[in-house]
Amino acid sequence: MKVPEKWKAVRMPPNMDAKTDSGTLFRDSAFSENTVTIQSQFEVRKPVIPAQEYKAFKALWDSYTMADANTLVFQIEDPSVRKHEP
């Protein structure tokens, strides 16, 4: 995603690389030259998750879907732009 000049990413989804017996999670987030790049992959490796693997798989899924892990926040670096004050 391209963003306007003078914008910077102050919060990006965290990079992740995790595996369980039932699934794999990978995410790579980067901001460079006014471009945000996010590559993400969640692989379910079993058609049925066994009960003994469910807790680890659910933790993996929750880390992938939680709101904080999917939030982008930008800030304008231009000093001529007035900041909002309550």
N, C-alpha and C. Protein backbone atom coordinates (compact mmCIF):
# COMPACT_ATOMS: atom_id res chain seq x y z
N MET A 1 0.85 -1.15 0.00
CA MET A 1 0.00 0.00 0.00
C MET A 1 0.91 1.22 0.00
N LYS A 2 0.66 2.16 -0.90
CA LYS A 2 1.38 3.42 -0.92
C LYS A 2 0.69 4.42 -0.01
N VAL A 3 1.47 5.20 0.70
CA VAL A 3 0.92 6.25 1.55
C VAL A 3 1.53 7.58 1.11
N PRO A 4 0.85 8.70 1.42
CA PRO A 4 1.36 10.01 1.01
C PRO A 4 2.74 10.30 1.62
N GLU A 5 3.49 11.14 0.91
CA GLU A 5 4.76 11.59 1.47
C GLU A 5 4.51 12.26 2.81
N LYS A 6 5.49 12.23 3.66
CA LYS A 6 5.46 12.81 5.00
C LYS A 6 4.62 12.00 5.98
N TRP A 7 4.08 10.89 5.55
CA TRP A 7 3.39 9.99 6.47
C TRP A 7 4.38 8.93 6.89
N LYS A 8 4.30 8.52 8.13
CA LYS A 8 5.13 7.41 8.59
C LYS A 8 4.26 6.44 9.38
N ALA A 9 4.62 5.18 9.30
CA ALA A 9 3.91 4.16 10.06
C ALA A 9 4.46 4.15 11.47
N VAL A 10 3.60 4.41 12.45
CA VAL A 10 4.04 4.40 13.85
C VAL A 10 3.61 3.12 14.55
N ARG A 11 2.73 2.37 13.89
CA ARG A 11 2.34 1.07 14.44
C ARG A 11 2.00 0.14 13.28
N MET A 12 2.63 -1.03 13.30
CA MET A 12 2.43 -2.02 12.24
C MET A 12 2.09 -3.36 12.88
N PRO A 13 1.42 -4.24 12.15
CA PRO A 13 1.21 -5.59 12.68
C PRO A 13 2.56 -6.24 12.96
N PRO A 14 2.69 -6.95 14.06
CA PRO A 14 3.99 -7.55 14.40
C PRO A 14 4.34 -8.69 13.44
N ASN A 15 5.64 -8.85 13.22
CA ASN A 15 6.11 -10.01 12.46
C ASN A 15 5.91 -11.25 13.32
N MET A 16 5.52 -12.35 12.66
CA MET A 16 5.27 -13.59 13.38
C MET A 16 5.75 -14.77 12.54
N ASP A 17 6.23 -15.77 13.22
CA ASP A 17 6.62 -17.02 12.58
C ASP A 17 6.47 -18.10 13.65
N ALA A 18 5.37 -18.84 13.59
CA ALA A 18 5.09 -19.82 14.63
C ALA A 18 4.47 -21.07 14.01
N LYS A 19 4.70 -22.20 14.68
CA LYS A 19 4.18 -23.47 14.20
C LYS A 19 3.65 -24.29 15.36
N THR A 20 2.60 -25.05 15.07
CA THR A 20 2.13 -26.09 15.98
C THR A 20 2.02 -27.35 15.12
N ASP A 21 1.66 -28.45 15.74
CA ASP A 21 1.48 -29.68 14.97
C ASP A 21 0.34 -29.53 13.96
N SER A 22 -0.61 -28.65 14.25
CA SER A 22 -1.79 -28.51 13.40
C SER A 22 -1.78 -27.32 12.46
N GLY A 23 -0.90 -26.35 12.68
CA GLY A 23 -0.92 -25.15 11.85
C GLY A 23 0.37 -24.37 11.86
N THR A 24 0.46 -23.46 10.89
CA THR A 24 1.64 -22.60 10.75
C THR A 24 1.16 -21.17 10.52
N LEU A 25 1.85 -20.23 11.12
CA LEU A 25 1.54 -18.81 10.98
C LEU A 25 2.80 -18.07 10.58
N PHE A 26 2.67 -17.23 9.57
CA PHE A 26 3.79 -16.38 9.15
C PHE A 26 3.22 -15.01 8.79
N ARG A 27 3.88 -13.95 9.28
CA ARG A 27 3.54 -12.59 8.86
C ARG A 27 4.81 -11.75 8.88
N ASP A 28 4.99 -10.96 7.84
CA ASP A 28 6.11 -10.04 7.74
C ASP A 28 5.56 -8.67 7.35
N SER A 29 5.81 -7.66 8.18
CA SER A 29 5.33 -6.30 7.95
C SER A 29 6.54 -5.38 7.78
N ALA A 30 6.46 -4.49 6.78
CA ALA A 30 7.56 -3.56 6.54
C ALA A 30 7.01 -2.23 6.04
N PHE A 31 7.75 -1.15 6.35
CA PHE A 31 7.42 0.18 5.85
C PHE A 31 8.71 0.79 5.32
N SER A 32 8.70 1.12 4.03
CA SER A 32 9.90 1.69 3.41
C SER A 32 9.48 2.53 2.22
N GLU A 33 10.05 3.70 2.10
CA GLU A 33 9.81 4.58 0.95
C GLU A 33 8.32 4.76 0.67
N ASN A 34 7.58 5.12 1.69
CA ASN A 34 6.14 5.39 1.61
C ASN A 34 5.31 4.20 1.15
N THR A 35 5.82 3.01 1.38
CA THR A 35 5.10 1.80 1.01
C THR A 35 5.00 0.86 2.19
N VAL A 36 3.78 0.41 2.48
CA VAL A 36 3.55 -0.60 3.51
C VAL A 36 3.40 -1.94 2.79
N THR A 37 4.14 -2.92 3.26
CA THR A 37 4.04 -4.27 2.71
C THR A 37 3.76 -5.23 3.85
N ILE A 38 2.69 -6.00 3.71
CA ILE A 38 2.35 -7.01 4.71
C ILE A 38 2.11 -8.33 3.98
N GLN A 39 2.92 -9.30 4.32
CA GLN A 39 2.74 -10.65 3.79
C GLN A 39 2.29 -11.52 4.95
N SER A 40 1.22 -12.27 4.72
CA SER A 40 0.65 -13.05 5.80
C SER A 40 0.18 -14.40 5.27
N GLN A 41 0.41 -15.43 6.08
CA GLN A 41 -0.04 -16.77 5.70
C GLN A 41 -0.41 -17.54 6.96
N PHE A 42 -1.57 -18.17 6.92
CA PHE A 42 -2.00 -19.05 8.01
C PHE A 42 -2.36 -20.38 7.35
N GLU A 43 -1.67 -21.42 7.72
CA GLU A 43 -1.89 -22.73 7.12
C GLU A 43 -2.43 -23.70 8.17
N VAL A 44 -3.54 -24.32 7.85
CA VAL A 44 -4.09 -25.38 8.69
C VAL A 44 -3.61 -26.69 8.07
N ARG A 45 -2.85 -27.47 8.84
CA ARG A 45 -2.23 -28.67 8.27
C ARG A 45 -3.01 -29.96 8.50
N LYS A 46 -4.09 -29.88 9.25
CA LYS A 46 -4.89 -31.08 9.51
C LYS A 46 -6.36 -30.75 9.30
N PRO A 47 -7.12 -31.65 8.69
CA PRO A 47 -8.55 -31.37 8.48
C PRO A 47 -9.35 -31.37 9.77
N VAL A 48 -8.88 -32.09 10.77
CA VAL A 48 -9.51 -32.13 12.09
C VAL A 48 -8.41 -31.91 13.12
N ILE A 49 -8.63 -30.94 14.02
CA ILE A 49 -7.64 -30.65 15.06
C ILE A 49 -7.92 -31.56 16.24
N PRO A 50 -6.98 -32.45 16.59
CA PRO A 50 -7.18 -33.34 17.75
C PRO A 50 -7.31 -32.53 19.05
N ALA A 51 -8.08 -33.04 19.97
CA ALA A 51 -8.34 -32.35 21.24
C ALA A 51 -7.05 -31.95 21.95
N GLN A 52 -6.04 -32.82 21.94
CA GLN A 52 -4.79 -32.52 22.65
C GLN A 52 -3.98 -31.41 21.97
N GLU A 53 -4.29 -31.08 20.72
CA GLU A 53 -3.58 -30.02 19.99
C GLU A 53 -4.39 -28.73 19.92
N TYR A 54 -5.66 -28.78 20.35
CA TYR A 54 -6.56 -27.64 20.17
C TYR A 54 -6.07 -26.38 20.89
N LYS A 55 -5.61 -26.49 22.11
CA LYS A 55 -5.20 -25.32 22.89
C LYS A 55 -4.06 -24.57 22.18
N ALA A 56 -3.06 -25.30 21.70
CA ALA A 56 -1.94 -24.67 20.99
C ALA A 56 -2.40 -24.06 19.67
N PHE A 57 -3.28 -24.76 18.95
CA PHE A 57 -3.78 -24.25 17.69
C PHE A 57 -4.62 -23.00 17.90
N LYS A 58 -5.47 -23.00 18.93
CA LYS A 58 -6.30 -21.83 19.23
C LYS A 58 -5.44 -20.63 19.60
N ALA A 59 -4.37 -20.83 20.35
CA ALA A 59 -3.46 -19.74 20.70
C ALA A 59 -2.81 -19.16 19.43
N LEU A 60 -2.45 -20.03 18.51
CA LEU A 60 -1.87 -19.60 17.24
C LEU A 60 -2.89 -18.76 16.46
N TRP A 61 -4.11 -19.25 16.35
CA TRP A 61 -5.18 -18.54 15.65
C TRP A 61 -5.47 -17.20 16.31
N ASP A 62 -5.56 -17.19 17.64
CA ASP A 62 -5.85 -15.94 18.36
C ASP A 62 -4.76 -14.90 18.13
N SER A 63 -3.50 -15.31 18.09
CA SER A 63 -2.41 -14.36 17.85
C SER A 63 -2.49 -13.78 16.44
N TYR A 64 -3.05 -14.54 15.52
CA TYR A 64 -3.20 -14.11 14.13
C TYR A 64 -4.37 -13.15 13.96
N THR A 65 -5.45 -13.36 14.70
CA THR A 65 -6.67 -12.58 14.49
C THR A 65 -6.90 -11.45 15.48
N MET A 66 -6.13 -11.35 16.55
CA MET A 66 -6.40 -10.30 17.54
C MET A 66 -6.25 -8.91 16.91
N ALA A 67 -7.07 -7.99 17.35
CA ALA A 67 -7.12 -6.66 16.76
C ALA A 67 -5.76 -5.96 16.80
N ASP A 68 -5.04 -6.06 17.90
CA ASP A 68 -3.74 -5.39 18.00
C ASP A 68 -2.75 -5.90 16.96
N ALA A 69 -2.91 -7.14 16.55
CA ALA A 69 -1.98 -7.73 15.59
C ALA A 69 -2.31 -7.31 14.17
N ASN A 70 -3.43 -6.63 13.97
CA ASN A 70 -3.85 -6.26 12.62
C ASN A 70 -4.07 -4.76 12.47
N THR A 71 -3.42 -3.96 13.31
CA THR A 71 -3.64 -2.53 13.32
C THR A 71 -2.47 -1.78 12.67
N LEU A 72 -2.82 -0.86 11.79
CA LEU A 72 -1.85 0.06 11.19
C LEU A 72 -2.19 1.46 11.69
N VAL A 73 -1.18 2.22 12.14
CA VAL A 73 -1.39 3.59 12.57
C VAL A 73 -0.34 4.44 11.87
N PHE A 74 -0.80 5.55 11.27
CA PHE A 74 0.10 6.47 10.58
C PHE A 74 0.11 7.81 11.28
N GLN A 75 1.23 8.53 11.10
CA GLN A 75 1.37 9.88 11.65
C GLN A 75 1.94 10.76 10.55
N ILE A 76 1.44 11.99 10.45
CA ILE A 76 1.96 12.94 9.47
C ILE A 76 3.16 13.64 10.07
N GLU A 77 4.26 13.66 9.34
CA GLU A 77 5.49 14.27 9.83
C GLU A 77 5.59 15.75 9.48
N ASP A 78 4.63 16.31 8.79
CA ASP A 78 4.67 17.69 8.32
C ASP A 78 4.39 18.65 9.47
N PRO A 79 5.36 19.49 9.86
CA PRO A 79 5.13 20.41 10.99
C PRO A 79 4.12 21.50 10.66
N SER A 80 3.81 21.72 9.38
CA SER A 80 2.83 22.75 9.03
C SER A 80 1.41 22.30 9.29
N VAL A 81 1.21 21.00 9.52
CA VAL A 81 -0.12 20.47 9.81
C VAL A 81 -0.38 20.64 11.30
N ARG A 82 -1.46 21.33 11.62
CA ARG A 82 -1.79 21.55 13.04
C ARG A 82 -2.22 20.26 13.69
N LYS A 83 -1.76 20.06 14.88
CA LYS A 83 -2.15 18.88 15.66
C LYS A 83 -3.46 19.19 16.38
N HIS A 84 -4.31 18.20 16.40
CA HIS A 84 -5.59 18.34 17.11
C HIS A 84 -5.34 18.27 18.61
N GLU A 85 -5.87 19.24 19.30
CA GLU A 85 -5.77 19.22 20.76
C GLU A 85 -7.17 19.27 21.33
N PRO A 86 -7.44 18.40 22.29
CA PRO A 86 -8.80 18.35 22.88
C PRO A 86 -9.16 19.60 23.62
